[in-house]
Amino acid sequence: MQLRLVDAAHILPVRAEETTDDVRNGIALSPSYHRAFDAGLIYLDEDYVMRINTEQQLKLVTLRLDGGIEDFKRYLSKRIYLPPDKRQWPDITMIRKANRYRRISQ
């Protein structure tokens, strides 16, 4: 999008060891999904599908902070848009490291 409504998000966060600023360690997300991704509420799987982290969702339910979660989830469980050039696709190794870093169990 060229409306400046998306963020460039690191797959493996900047503060993690072995992170890079390479395009293959990045995805474009809306600001809300970027925050959810950084907080571990959502994650990218190895099939390039954005998923909800059920452990984090349960924490929100327990705290009664889950209002709107179903609407939020409506845009998940679909493959992300990938560039035509496969050399720019997210690196599976970075996805694995990021999910371990965020303690995502799949």
PDB file of N, CA and C in Angstrom:
ATOM      1  N   MET A   1       0.839  -1.188   0.000  1.00  0.00           N
ATOM      2  CA  MET A   1       0.000   0.000   0.000  1.00  0.00           C
ATOM      3  C   MET A   1       0.872   1.235   0.000  1.00  0.00           C
ATOM      4  N   GLN A   2       0.433   2.204  -0.689  1.00  0.00           N
ATOM      5  CA  GLN A   2       1.211   3.426  -0.759  1.00  0.00           C
ATOM      6  C   GLN A   2       0.549   4.549   0.021  1.00  0.00           C
ATOM      7  N   LEU A   3      -0.313   4.202   0.937  1.00  0.00           N
ATOM      8  CA  LEU A   3      -0.983   5.218   1.749  1.00  0.00           C
ATOM      9  C   LEU A   3      -0.285   5.427   3.088  1.00  0.00           C
ATOM     10  N   ARG A   4       0.862   4.794   3.261  1.00  0.00           N
ATOM     11  CA  ARG A   4       1.621   4.872   4.514  1.00  0.00           C
ATOM     12  C   ARG A   4       0.816   4.335   5.698  1.00  0.00           C
ATOM     13  N   LEU A   5       0.038   3.287   5.423  1.00  0.00           N
ATOM     14  CA  LEU A   5      -0.774   2.673   6.472  1.00  0.00           C
ATOM     15  C   LEU A   5      -0.210   1.334   6.925  1.00  0.00           C
ATOM     16  N   VAL A   6       0.970   0.995   6.460  1.00  0.00           N
ATOM     17  CA  VAL A   6       1.588  -0.260   6.875  1.00  0.00           C
ATOM     18  C   VAL A   6       2.958   0.020   7.485  1.00  0.00           C
ATOM     19  N   ASP A   7       3.357  -0.877   8.365  1.00  0.00           N
ATOM     20  CA  ASP A   7       4.670  -0.808   9.006  1.00  0.00           C
ATOM     21  C   ASP A   7       5.563  -1.898   8.442  1.00  0.00           C
ATOM     22  N   ALA A   8       6.846  -1.650   8.448  1.00  0.00           N
ATOM     23  CA  ALA A   8       7.829  -2.689   8.173  1.00  0.00           C
ATOM     24  C   ALA A   8       8.141  -3.352   9.509  1.00  0.00           C
ATOM     25  N   ALA A   9       7.818  -4.617   9.630  1.00  0.00           N
ATOM     26  CA  ALA A   9       8.009  -5.342  10.894  1.00  0.00           C
ATOM     27  C   ALA A   9       9.115  -6.380  10.742  1.00  0.00           C
ATOM     28  N   HIS A  10      10.015  -6.425  11.731  1.00  0.00           N
ATOM     29  CA  HIS A  10      11.018  -7.484  11.755  1.00  0.00           C
ATOM     30  C   HIS A  10      10.341  -8.794  12.147  1.00  0.00           C
ATOM     31  N   ILE A  11      10.678  -9.858  11.476  1.00  0.00           N
ATOM     32  CA  ILE A  11      10.177 -11.179  11.871  1.00  0.00           C
ATOM     33  C   ILE A  11      10.886 -11.585  13.159  1.00  0.00           C
ATOM     34  N   LEU A  12      12.201 -11.643  13.123  1.00  0.00           N
ATOM     35  CA  LEU A  12      12.991 -11.851  14.340  1.00  0.00           C
ATOM     36  C   LEU A  12      13.319 -10.462  14.866  1.00  0.00           C
ATOM     37  N   PRO A  13      12.841 -10.123  16.066  1.00  0.00           N
ATOM     38  CA  PRO A  13      12.967  -8.748  16.568  1.00  0.00           C
ATOM     39  C   PRO A  13      14.401  -8.221  16.600  1.00  0.00           C
ATOM     40  N   VAL A  14      14.516  -6.915  16.562  1.00  0.00           N
ATOM     41  CA  VAL A  14      15.806  -6.231  16.589  1.00  0.00           C
ATOM     42  C   VAL A  14      16.606  -6.625  17.825  1.00  0.00           C
ATOM     43  N   ARG A  15      15.951  -6.797  18.954  1.00  0.00           N
ATOM     44  CA  ARG A  15      16.657  -7.088  20.212  1.00  0.00           C
ATOM     45  C   ARG A  15      17.131  -8.534  20.309  1.00  0.00           C
ATOM     46  N   ALA A  16      16.722  -9.393  19.383  1.00  0.00           N
ATOM     47  CA  ALA A  16      17.111 -10.805  19.417  1.00  0.00           C
ATOM     48  C   ALA A  16      18.496 -10.999  18.802  1.00  0.00           C
ATOM     49  N   GLU A  17      19.205 -12.006  19.291  1.00  0.00           N
ATOM     50  CA  GLU A  17      20.485 -12.355  18.686  1.00  0.00           C
ATOM     51  C   GLU A  17      20.221 -12.894  17.282  1.00  0.00           C
ATOM     52  N   GLU A  18      21.172 -12.728  16.410  1.00  0.00           N
ATOM     53  CA  GLU A  18      21.114 -13.242  15.043  1.00  0.00           C
ATOM     54  C   GLU A  18      20.070 -12.557  14.162  1.00  0.00           C
ATOM     55  N   THR A  19      19.531 -11.427  14.598  1.00  0.00           N
ATOM     56  CA  THR A  19      18.581 -10.708  13.765  1.00  0.00           C
ATOM     57  C   THR A  19      19.325  -9.961  12.663  1.00  0.00           C
ATOM     58  N   THR A  20      18.613  -9.598  11.629  1.00  0.00           N
ATOM     59  CA  THR A  20      19.206  -8.829  10.541  1.00  0.00           C
ATOM     60  C   THR A  20      18.196  -7.792  10.068  1.00  0.00           C
ATOM     61  N   ASP A  21      18.694  -6.839   9.306  1.00  0.00           N
ATOM     62  CA  ASP A  21      17.823  -5.861   8.662  1.00  0.00           C
ATOM     63  C   ASP A  21      17.564  -6.250   7.209  1.00  0.00           C
ATOM     64  N   ASP A  22      17.849  -7.478   6.868  1.00  0.00           N
ATOM     65  CA  ASP A  22      17.621  -7.998   5.531  1.00  0.00           C
ATOM     66  C   ASP A  22      16.123  -8.054   5.235  1.00  0.00           C
ATOM     67  N   VAL A  23      15.747  -7.832   3.989  1.00  0.00           N
ATOM     68  CA  VAL A  23      14.337  -7.854   3.592  1.00  0.00           C
ATOM     69  C   VAL A  23      13.682  -9.197   3.931  1.00  0.00           C
ATOM     70  N   ARG A  24      14.462 -10.274   3.971  1.00  0.00           N
ATOM     71  CA  ARG A  24      13.908 -11.605   4.274  1.00  0.00           C
ATOM     72  C   ARG A  24      13.588 -11.783   5.762  1.00  0.00           C
ATOM     73  N   ASN A  25      13.938 -10.803   6.567  1.00  0.00           N
ATOM     74  CA  ASN A  25      13.568 -10.800   7.975  1.00  0.00           C
ATOM     75  C   ASN A  25      12.494  -9.735   8.220  1.00  0.00           C
ATOM     76  N   GLY A  26      11.666  -9.516   7.229  1.00  0.00           N
ATOM     77  CA  GLY A  26      10.650  -8.485   7.379  1.00  0.00           C
ATOM     78  C   GLY A  26       9.344  -8.833   6.696  1.00  0.00           C
ATOM     79  N   ILE A  27       8.280  -8.261   7.224  1.00  0.00           N
ATOM     80  CA  ILE A  27       6.964  -8.344   6.606  1.00  0.00           C
ATOM     81  C   ILE A  27       6.275  -6.996   6.813  1.00  0.00           C
ATOM     82  N   ALA A  28       5.331  -6.704   5.955  1.00  0.00           N
ATOM     83  CA  ALA A  28       4.543  -5.476   6.077  1.00  0.00           C
ATOM     84  C   ALA A  28       3.264  -5.794   6.835  1.00  0.00           C
ATOM     85  N   LEU A  29       2.995  -5.026   7.878  1.00  0.00           N
ATOM     86  CA  LEU A  29       1.799  -5.228   8.706  1.00  0.00           C
ATOM     87  C   LEU A  29       1.141  -3.893   9.013  1.00  0.00           C
ATOM     88  N   SER A  30      -0.163  -3.927   9.241  1.00  0.00           N
ATOM     89  CA  SER A  30      -0.825  -2.730   9.738  1.00  0.00           C
ATOM     90  C   SER A  30      -0.288  -2.470  11.148  1.00  0.00           C
ATOM     91  N   PRO A  31      -0.380  -1.242  11.637  1.00  0.00           N
ATOM     92  CA  PRO A  31       0.135  -0.965  12.984  1.00  0.00           C
ATOM     93  C   PRO A  31      -0.457  -1.873  14.074  1.00  0.00           C
ATOM     94  N   SER A  32      -1.754  -2.163  14.007  1.00  0.00           N
ATOM     95  CA  SER A  32      -2.365  -3.025  15.037  1.00  0.00           C
ATOM     96  C   SER A  32      -1.822  -4.445  14.979  1.00  0.00           C
ATOM     97  N   TYR A  33      -1.689  -4.974  13.775  1.00  0.00           N
ATOM     98  CA  TYR A  33      -1.165  -6.338  13.638  1.00  0.00           C
ATOM     99  C   TYR A  33       0.331  -6.369  13.946  1.00  0.00           C
ATOM    100  N   HIS A  34       1.021  -5.281  13.666  1.00  0.00           N
ATOM    101  CA  HIS A  34       2.440  -5.193  14.029  1.00  0.00           C
ATOM    102  C   HIS A  34       2.600  -5.301  15.547  1.00  0.00           C
ATOM    103  N   ARG A  35       1.792  -4.574  16.277  1.00  0.00           N
ATOM    104  CA  ARG A  35       1.866  -4.639  17.744  1.00  0.00           C
ATOM    105  C   ARG A  35       1.507  -6.038  18.250  1.00  0.00           C
ATOM    106  N   ALA A  36       0.471  -6.633  17.652  1.00  0.00           N
ATOM    107  CA  ALA A  36       0.070  -7.988  18.048  1.00  0.00           C
ATOM    108  C   ALA A  36       1.167  -8.997  17.728  1.00  0.00           C
ATOM    109  N   PHE A  37       1.840  -8.816  16.602  1.00  0.00           N
ATOM    110  CA  PHE A  37       2.943  -9.694  16.203  1.00  0.00           C
ATOM    111  C   PHE A  37       4.102  -9.556  17.184  1.00  0.00           C
ATOM    112  N   ASP A  38       4.499  -8.319  17.486  1.00  0.00           N
ATOM    113  CA  ASP A  38       5.603  -8.089  18.423  1.00  0.00           C
ATOM    114  C   ASP A  38       5.282  -8.615  19.818  1.00  0.00           C
ATOM    115  N   ALA A  39       4.007  -8.565  20.216  1.00  0.00           N
ATOM    116  CA  ALA A  39       3.600  -9.042  21.539  1.00  0.00           C
ATOM    117  C   ALA A  39       3.404 -10.559  21.577  1.00  0.00           C
ATOM    118  N   GLY A  40       3.489 -11.219  20.423  1.00  0.00           N
ATOM    119  CA  GLY A  40       3.325 -12.669  20.388  1.00  0.00           C
ATOM    120  C   GLY A  40       1.877 -13.121  20.353  1.00  0.00           C
ATOM    121  N   LEU A  41       0.939 -12.218  20.134  1.00  0.00           N
ATOM    122  CA  LEU A  41      -0.463 -12.616  20.029  1.00  0.00           C
ATOM    123  C   LEU A  41      -0.726 -13.315  18.697  1.00  0.00           C
ATOM    124  N   ILE A  42      -0.019 -12.880  17.664  1.00  0.00           N
ATOM    125  CA  ILE A  42      -0.096 -13.559  16.370  1.00  0.00           C
ATOM    126  C   ILE A  42       1.323 -13.921  15.936  1.00  0.00           C
ATOM    127  N   TYR A  43       1.424 -14.880  15.042  1.00  0.00           N
ATOM    128  CA  TYR A  43       2.731 -15.307  14.557  1.00  0.00           C
ATOM    129  C   TYR A  43       2.597 -15.794  13.123  1.00  0.00           C
ATOM    130  N   LEU A  44       3.733 -15.852  12.452  1.00  0.00           N
ATOM    131  CA  LEU A  44       3.803 -16.350  11.087  1.00  0.00           C
ATOM    132  C   LEU A  44       4.302 -17.782  11.137  1.00  0.00           C
ATOM    133  N   ASP A  45       3.580 -18.705  10.479  1.00  0.00           N
ATOM    134  CA  ASP A  45       4.049 -20.087  10.473  1.00  0.00           C
ATOM    135  C   ASP A  45       4.913 -20.341   9.234  1.00  0.00           C
ATOM    136  N   GLU A  46       5.428 -21.539   9.120  1.00  0.00           N
ATOM    137  CA  GLU A  46       6.368 -21.863   8.047  1.00  0.00           C
ATOM    138  C   GLU A  46       5.700 -22.007   6.684  1.00  0.00           C
ATOM    139  N   ASP A  47       4.376 -21.963   6.647  1.00  0.00           N
ATOM    140  CA  ASP A  47       3.643 -21.965   5.376  1.00  0.00           C
ATOM    141  C   ASP A  47       3.234 -20.548   4.989  1.00  0.00           C
ATOM    142  N   TYR A  48       3.790 -19.558   5.682  1.00  0.00           N
ATOM    143  CA  TYR A  48       3.505 -18.141   5.447  1.00  0.00           C
ATOM    144  C   TYR A  48       2.053 -17.786   5.761  1.00  0.00           C
ATOM    145  N   VAL A  49       1.521 -18.434   6.783  1.00  0.00           N
ATOM    146  CA  VAL A  49       0.160 -18.156   7.236  1.00  0.00           C
ATOM    147  C   VAL A  49       0.253 -17.475   8.598  1.00  0.00           C
ATOM    148  N   MET A  50      -0.458 -16.353   8.756  1.00  0.00           N
ATOM    149  CA  MET A  50      -0.492 -15.652  10.035  1.00  0.00           C
ATOM    150  C   MET A  50      -1.537 -16.329  10.913  1.00  0.00           C
ATOM    151  N   ARG A  51      -1.137 -16.679  12.131  1.00  0.00           N
ATOM    152  CA  ARG A  51      -1.991 -17.426  13.050  1.00  0.00           C
ATOM    153  C   ARG A  51      -2.111 -16.708  14.394  1.00  0.00           C
ATOM    154  N   ILE A  52      -3.161 -17.073  15.129  1.00  0.00           N
ATOM    155  CA  ILE A  52      -3.333 -16.586  16.504  1.00  0.00           C
ATOM    156  C   ILE A  52      -2.541 -17.497  17.429  1.00  0.00           C
ATOM    157  N   ASN A  53      -1.907 -16.929  18.411  1.00  0.00           N
ATOM    158  CA  ASN A  53      -1.221 -17.700  19.443  1.00  0.00           C
ATOM    159  C   ASN A  53      -2.262 -18.006  20.521  1.00  0.00           C
ATOM    160  N   THR A  54      -2.711 -19.243  20.574  1.00  0.00           N
ATOM    161  CA  THR A  54      -3.813 -19.592  21.475  1.00  0.00           C
ATOM    162  C   THR A  54      -3.451 -19.371  22.944  1.00  0.00           C
ATOM    163  N   GLU A  55      -2.183 -19.539  23.301  1.00  0.00           N
ATOM    164  CA  GLU A  55      -1.784 -19.293  24.697  1.00  0.00           C
ATOM    165  C   GLU A  55      -1.989 -17.829  25.066  1.00  0.00           C
ATOM    166  N   GLN A  56      -1.583 -16.931  24.176  1.00  0.00           N
ATOM    167  CA  GLN A  56      -1.775 -15.501  24.442  1.00  0.00           C
ATOM    168  C   GLN A  56      -3.259 -15.136  24.421  1.00  0.00           C
ATOM    169  N   GLN A  57      -4.002 -15.753  23.531  1.00  0.00           N
ATOM    170  CA  GLN A  57      -5.446 -15.490  23.472  1.00  0.00           C
ATOM    171  C   GLN A  57      -6.108 -15.909  24.782  1.00  0.00           C
ATOM    172  N   LEU A  58      -5.735 -17.055  25.319  1.00  0.00           N
ATOM    173  CA  LEU A  58      -6.305 -17.517  26.592  1.00  0.00           C
ATOM    174  C   LEU A  58      -5.976 -16.563  27.740  1.00  0.00           C
ATOM    175  N   LYS A  59      -4.768 -16.008  27.713  1.00  0.00           N
ATOM    176  CA  LYS A  59      -4.413 -15.015  28.742  1.00  0.00           C
ATOM    177  C   LYS A  59      -5.335 -13.805  28.667  1.00  0.00           C
ATOM    178  N   LEU A  60      -5.606 -13.347  27.446  1.00  0.00           N
ATOM    179  CA  LEU A  60      -6.516 -12.206  27.281  1.00  0.00           C
ATOM    180  C   LEU A  60      -7.923 -12.540  27.750  1.00  0.00           C
ATOM    181  N   VAL A  61      -8.381 -13.750  27.457  1.00  0.00           N
ATOM    182  CA  VAL A  61      -9.709 -14.184  27.896  1.00  0.00           C
ATOM    183  C   VAL A  61      -9.759 -14.196  29.422  1.00  0.00           C
ATOM    184  N   THR A  62      -8.724 -14.758  30.055  1.00  0.00           N
ATOM    185  CA  THR A  62      -8.661 -14.826  31.515  1.00  0.00           C
ATOM    186  C   THR A  62      -8.722 -13.433  32.139  1.00  0.00           C
ATOM    187  N   LEU A  63      -8.047 -12.484  31.501  1.00  0.00           N
ATOM    188  CA  LEU A  63      -8.022 -11.105  32.015  1.00  0.00           C
ATOM    189  C   LEU A  63      -9.224 -10.280  31.555  1.00  0.00           C
ATOM    190  N   ARG A  64     -10.096 -10.917  30.793  1.00  0.00           N
ATOM    191  CA  ARG A  64     -11.270 -10.239  30.222  1.00  0.00           C
ATOM    192  C   ARG A  64     -10.877  -9.043  29.356  1.00  0.00           C
ATOM    193  N   LEU A  65      -9.807  -9.252  28.590  1.00  0.00           N
ATOM    194  CA  LEU A  65      -9.309  -8.233  27.676  1.00  0.00           C
ATOM    195  C   LEU A  65      -9.430  -8.703  26.224  1.00  0.00           C
ATOM    196  N   ASP A  66     -10.363  -9.606  25.982  1.00  0.00           N
ATOM    197  CA  ASP A  66     -10.481 -10.231  24.665  1.00  0.00           C
ATOM    198  C   ASP A  66     -11.585  -9.640  23.801  1.00  0.00           C
ATOM    199  N   GLY A  67     -12.129  -8.515  24.179  1.00  0.00           N
ATOM    200  CA  GLY A  67     -13.175  -7.888  23.374  1.00  0.00           C
ATOM    201  C   GLY A  67     -12.674  -7.579  21.972  1.00  0.00           C
ATOM    202  N   GLY A  68     -13.387  -8.042  20.975  1.00  0.00           N
ATOM    203  CA  GLY A  68     -13.021  -7.803  19.589  1.00  0.00           C
ATOM    204  C   GLY A  68     -12.073  -8.823  18.999  1.00  0.00           C
ATOM    205  N   ILE A  69     -11.678  -9.826  19.783  1.00  0.00           N
ATOM    206  CA  ILE A  69     -10.694 -10.794  19.289  1.00  0.00           C
ATOM    207  C   ILE A  69     -11.216 -11.575  18.084  1.00  0.00           C
ATOM    208  N   GLU A  70     -12.503 -11.875  18.063  1.00  0.00           N
ATOM    209  CA  GLU A  70     -13.049 -12.636  16.931  1.00  0.00           C
ATOM    210  C   GLU A  70     -12.980 -11.819  15.644  1.00  0.00           C
ATOM    211  N   ASP A  71     -13.261 -10.528  15.725  1.00  0.00           N
ATOM    212  CA  ASP A  71     -13.127  -9.677  14.543  1.00  0.00           C
ATOM    213  C   ASP A  71     -11.664  -9.594  14.113  1.00  0.00           C
ATOM    214  N   PHE A  72     -10.779  -9.497  15.076  1.00  0.00           N
ATOM    215  CA  PHE A  72      -9.339  -9.433  14.818  1.00  0.00           C
ATOM    216  C   PHE A  72      -8.871 -10.702  14.110  1.00  0.00           C
ATOM    217  N   LYS A  73      -9.361 -11.851  14.569  1.00  0.00           N
ATOM    218  CA  LYS A  73      -8.948 -13.148  14.014  1.00  0.00           C
ATOM    219  C   LYS A  73      -9.474 -13.383  12.605  1.00  0.00           C
ATOM    220  N   ARG A  74     -10.492 -12.655  12.215  1.00  0.00           N
ATOM    221  CA  ARG A  74     -11.105 -12.859  10.902  1.00  0.00           C
ATOM    222  C   ARG A  74     -10.093 -12.711   9.765  1.00  0.00           C
ATOM    223  N   TYR A  75      -9.071 -11.909   9.974  1.00  0.00           N
ATOM    224  CA  TYR A  75      -8.083 -11.656   8.925  1.00  0.00           C
ATOM    225  C   TYR A  75      -6.868 -12.572   9.031  1.00  0.00           C
ATOM    226  N   LEU A  76      -6.919 -13.525   9.939  1.00  0.00           N
ATOM    227  CA  LEU A  76      -5.812 -14.462  10.117  1.00  0.00           C
ATOM    228  C   LEU A  76      -6.126 -15.781   9.413  1.00  0.00           C
ATOM    229  N   SER A  77      -5.224 -16.724   9.555  1.00  0.00           N
ATOM    230  CA  SER A  77      -5.350 -18.077   8.987  1.00  0.00           C
ATOM    231  C   SER A  77      -5.401 -18.066   7.465  1.00  0.00           C
ATOM    232  N   LYS A  78      -4.810 -17.060   6.880  1.00  0.00           N
ATOM    233  CA  LYS A  78      -4.675 -16.978   5.431  1.00  0.00           C
ATOM    234  C   LYS A  78      -3.205 -16.734   5.114  1.00  0.00           C
ATOM    235  N   ARG A  79      -2.800 -17.201   3.971  1.00  0.00           N
ATOM    236  CA  ARG A  79      -1.420 -16.979   3.557  1.00  0.00           C
ATOM    237  C   ARG A  79      -1.197 -15.484   3.318  1.00  0.00           C
ATOM    238  N   ILE A  80      -0.060 -14.988   3.778  1.00  0.00           N
ATOM    239  CA  ILE A  80       0.259 -13.584   3.567  1.00  0.00           C
ATOM    240  C   ILE A  80       0.564 -13.349   2.082  1.00  0.00           C
ATOM    241  N   TYR A  81       0.473 -12.111   1.676  1.00  0.00           N
ATOM    242  CA  TYR A  81       0.851 -11.755   0.311  1.00  0.00           C
ATOM    243  C   TYR A  81       2.372 -11.797   0.218  1.00  0.00           C
ATOM    244  N   LEU A  82       2.853 -12.496  -0.790  1.00  0.00           N
ATOM    245  CA  LEU A  82       4.292 -12.648  -0.977  1.00  0.00           C
ATOM    246  C   LEU A  82       4.737 -11.951  -2.249  1.00  0.00           C
ATOM    247  N   PRO A  83       5.957 -11.384  -2.245  1.00  0.00           N
ATOM    248  CA  PRO A  83       6.460 -10.718  -3.444  1.00  0.00           C
ATOM    249  C   PRO A  83       6.618 -11.706  -4.605  1.00  0.00           C
ATOM    250  N   PRO A  84       6.508 -11.239  -5.820  1.00  0.00           N
ATOM    251  CA  PRO A  84       6.708 -12.129  -6.970  1.00  0.00           C
ATOM    252  C   PRO A  84       8.119 -12.750  -6.986  1.00  0.00           C
ATOM    253  N   ASP A  85       9.107 -12.000  -6.497  1.00  0.00           N
ATOM    254  CA  ASP A  85      10.493 -12.478  -6.453  1.00  0.00           C
ATOM    255  C   ASP A  85      10.699 -13.310  -5.186  1.00  0.00           C
ATOM    256  N   LYS A  86      10.846 -14.625  -5.347  1.00  0.00           N
ATOM    257  CA  LYS A  86      10.982 -15.517  -4.188  1.00  0.00           C
ATOM    258  C   LYS A  86      12.214 -15.202  -3.341  1.00  0.00           C
ATOM    259  N   ARG A  87      13.182 -14.513  -3.920  1.00  0.00           N
ATOM    260  CA  ARG A  87      14.372 -14.137  -3.144  1.00  0.00           C
ATOM    261  C   ARG A  87      14.044 -13.098  -2.075  1.00  0.00           C
ATOM    262  N   GLN A  88      12.852 -12.517  -2.137  1.00  0.00           N
ATOM    263  CA  GLN A  88      12.422 -11.527  -1.148  1.00  0.00           C
ATOM    264  C   GLN A  88      11.404 -12.090  -0.158  1.00  0.00           C
ATOM    265  N   TRP A  89      11.085 -13.355  -0.291  1.00  0.00           N
ATOM    266  CA  TRP A  89      10.130 -13.975   0.644  1.00  0.00           C
ATOM    267  C   TRP A  89      10.750 -14.073   2.031  1.00  0.00           C
ATOM    268  N   PRO A  90       9.922 -14.046   3.076  1.00  0.00           N
ATOM    269  CA  PRO A  90      10.453 -14.228   4.439  1.00  0.00           C
ATOM    270  C   PRO A  90      11.245 -15.529   4.557  1.00  0.00           C
ATOM    271  N   ASP A  91      12.359 -15.431   5.238  1.00  0.00           N
ATOM    272  CA  ASP A  91      13.257 -16.565   5.443  1.00  0.00           C
ATOM    273  C   ASP A  91      12.660 -17.507   6.490  1.00  0.00           C
ATOM    274  N   ILE A  92      12.486 -18.763   6.104  1.00  0.00           N
ATOM    275  CA  ILE A  92      11.924 -19.777   7.015  1.00  0.00           C
ATOM    276  C   ILE A  92      12.758 -19.881   8.288  1.00  0.00           C
ATOM    277  N   THR A  93      14.074 -19.758   8.161  1.00  0.00           N
ATOM    278  CA  THR A  93      14.944 -19.825   9.349  1.00  0.00           C
ATOM    279  C   THR A  93      14.617 -18.689  10.316  1.00  0.00           C
ATOM    280  N   MET A  94      14.372 -17.484   9.796  1.00  0.00           N
ATOM    281  CA  MET A  94      14.014 -16.352  10.650  1.00  0.00           C
ATOM    282  C   MET A  94      12.649 -16.580  11.299  1.00  0.00           C
ATOM    283  N   ILE A  95      11.725 -17.166  10.564  1.00  0.00           N
ATOM    284  CA  ILE A  95      10.404 -17.461  11.118  1.00  0.00           C
ATOM    285  C   ILE A  95      10.545 -18.443  12.281  1.00  0.00           C
ATOM    286  N   ARG A  96      11.331 -19.495  12.086  1.00  0.00           N
ATOM    287  CA  ARG A  96      11.540 -20.491  13.164  1.00  0.00           C
ATOM    288  C   ARG A  96      12.172 -19.844  14.390  1.00  0.00           C
ATOM    289  N   LYS A  97      13.217 -19.056  14.159  1.00  0.00           N
ATOM    290  CA  LYS A  97      13.903 -18.387  15.274  1.00  0.00           C
ATOM    291  C   LYS A  97      12.955 -17.434  15.995  1.00  0.00           C
ATOM    292  N   ALA A  98      12.168 -16.700  15.232  1.00  0.00           N
ATOM    293  CA  ALA A  98      11.231 -15.745  15.836  1.00  0.00           C
ATOM    294  C   ALA A  98      10.192 -16.462  16.683  1.00  0.00           C
ATOM    295  N   ASN A  99       9.691 -17.585  16.202  1.00  0.00           N
ATOM    296  CA  ASN A  99       8.681 -18.325  16.964  1.00  0.00           C
ATOM    297  C   ASN A  99       9.282 -18.938  18.224  1.00  0.00           C
ATOM    298  N   ARG A 100      10.513 -19.400  18.145  1.00  0.00           N
ATOM    299  CA  ARG A 100      11.190 -19.881  19.372  1.00  0.00           C
ATOM    300  C   ARG A 100      11.421 -18.714  20.326  1.00  0.00           C
ATOM    301  N   TYR A 101      11.873 -17.585  19.797  1.00  0.00           N
ATOM    302  CA  TYR A 101      12.134 -16.398  20.604  1.00  0.00           C
ATOM    303  C   TYR A 101      10.880 -15.960  21.371  1.00  0.00           C
ATOM    304  N   ARG A 102       9.742 -16.023  20.698  1.00  0.00           N
ATOM    305  CA  ARG A 102       8.482 -15.613  21.321  1.00  0.00           C
ATOM    306  C   ARG A 102       7.792 -16.762  22.052  1.00  0.00           C
ATOM    307  N   ARG A 103       8.451 -17.917  22.097  1.00  0.00           N
ATOM    308  CA  ARG A 103       7.930 -19.123  22.775  1.00  0.00           C
ATOM    309  C   ARG A 103       6.565 -19.547  22.223  1.00  0.00           C
ATOM    310  N   ILE A 104       6.471 -19.551  20.908  1.00  0.00           N
ATOM    311  CA  ILE A 104       5.249 -19.973  20.234  1.00  0.00           C
ATOM    312  C   ILE A 104       5.331 -21.483  20.036  1.00  0.00           C
ATOM    313  N   SER A 105       4.368 -22.191  20.548  1.00  0.00           N
ATOM    314  CA  SER A 105       4.297 -23.645  20.314  1.00  0.00           C
ATOM    315  C   SER A 105       3.228 -23.881  19.264  1.00  0.00           C
ATOM    316  N   GLN A 106       3.625 -24.567  18.202  1.00  0.00           N
ATOM    317  CA  GLN A 106       2.698 -24.769  17.081  1.00  0.00           C
ATOM    318  C   GLN A 106       2.136 -26.162  17.083  1.00  0.00           C
TER     319      GLN A 106
END
